[in-house]
């Protein structure tokens, strides 16, 4: 027991050497050459190869030996594992080695009580292995490593700096923190949600196959684990325990202390959208019964939590028909409602991003159809149920689909996506009050952040927001985790005085420096922009102002209120005028429409009359042709008649001439009776 306690309290690098000796790798690279075939064989093959590679990285450094020429699967696997670590620091490799060993065999210290801890004798010949007993080594700088596809990402050792998300020390830069445990299978079009400082990942698409596993990343220590769901026979009027079919393109939403799964593409789709619930305490999936007219089955839709309701827009049904319908599910009554909003809705699309601002405005950005991608922005007022398309400002994003977004205060962050040609490299933020776009950061190369179908959630550490992305597809399926700490702060949050106000500050001087941000009054201007007027509340008690100064301040605030009221009245009057003009325009449009219909009716009557005339003309032409034929026939008959008369006359003349000559010749002529 004394030996076990001594080992458990060892500092690095001694702790690493003890772990390596226990794993059968020894304390030096020479003794580790045949490690995967020795005592380390007690571990699974993938774990054994990873331990071997980390040991080589810690004791020798980055892999600089050529790839084995002879075809030996073991040697090739060992070389690939070691080479895949790139330029990982030796100290990081040591700590990761011990961490993995503790996950595989938590009681390893107690089993090496009689083991002899072997140290590397040639440390001075391997400068990559350094002592980390100094304070500078305990908190090293973050390292930048090369990814498999050429991009550069920053990584940090969570054991060296802080646990979990505390390792994120820079702003506006994506980093790839060290994560532990068995990583999920690479995927995209999965669902992701944050619940109790854990990021849950469900389903997705990998190599054209739908997945049904539920994975969880503990954000306290960045450790992956798989959730084994349980079968249950318990049923109720509202739910029924089920096993989920593999799906992709679904929505995973956190509601109270549970997860809600809506929609998604499956191999055997149902007719309507199904709603399922996961209980993280019982590890049971349940199918929730809904009422009303449920939407048609779909995937690639957006589902946004607004108060106690879920707002679903768009997607693609099982027949690959794109949708732009709007449905709301009341989570308290589990009743669906189909919403027929006024205004021009977004065109049918899927793989878009959606967010809600001030629990009133639903924003829809981007998405794609079968032929193109979009970069338009649409806003739905959930009170008036009216669509509008406001004018975007700033650095207008390029068209994209398959991106992900999260909203923090008045800042809507958008990451990833693609345009049917390549992944989008920039991470954007939209100020939903001013509708101004700006670029937070950009990545280079074919990295997972420039992918379609990635997920994005927001967590916090030390009072600061941190965005967490997972997965995606850009020619390769990804299972990597990246985090970023945005420097953008929400102006909706109350501002605090960093320094106390000195007693020498006069009240009039203070009054001139009071910021006029009236809190929580939102207006929608005619062009669709969301305007905010906010005011910070200043604590006046510590200033011990006199009654007169307080009255002055109250008068100033009252005057400011009256001025804002007058401005609001003007805006309302202007809005009424615009509505009146719109009504007049609609009346004129109605009159013009009636006139147009009348003209169309007259035109149709004229067309009918013209058709009849054409028929009459055709008949007359036919009769005319018949008359011409009759005239020709009459002329022919007249000629025949004339010819007959001529022949008859000639015969008559001959008969007359023959009688005279016969008389002269003495031939008596017969008398006609």
Foldseek 3Di string as FASTA:
>chain_A
DVLLVVQVPDDPPLVLLLLCVLLQCHAANVSNPCRCVPSVVVDPPVLSLLLSLLSCCQHANQDDDDQDPDDDVVSNSNSCNNNQVAHDQNVLSSVQSSVSSCVVPVSSSVVCSVPDRHHDPVCVVRVSNDDQPDPCSLADDWDWGAHPFGWIATEDRCNSHHAFPVRDDDFLGKHFYDAEEDFDDFFFQWEWDDAPQKIWTAWGADPRDIGGWIKIARRRHRYIDTQDADADCDDDPFKGFDRDAGWGQWYWYDDDRKIKIWAGDGPDDDQFIWIWIAHPVNRTIITGDAAEDGHGGFGQWDWEDQPQKIKIAWGAHPVRDTGGWIWIARNVRRYIDTDDADEDTDDGFGQWEWYDAPSFKIKIAWGDHPPWIGGFIWIAGNVRRYIAGFDAAAPRDDGWGQWYWDDDAQKIWIWWTDIVPFFFFWIWIARQQANYIDTSDGIDGRDQRRFGRKYWDWDDDPRFIKIKIAWGDGPDGGGTIMMHTHPDDHPLDADDDPDDDDLPDDLVNVLVVFDFACHDDWDQAPSGGIHGRHGHDDDCVVNPDDPVSVVVSVVVVVVVVVVVVVVVVVRVVVVVVVVVVVVVVVVVVVVVVVVVVVVVVVVVVVVVVVVVVVVVVVVVVVVVVVVVVVVVVVVVVVVVVVVVVVVVVVVVVVVVVVVVVCVVVVNDDDDDD
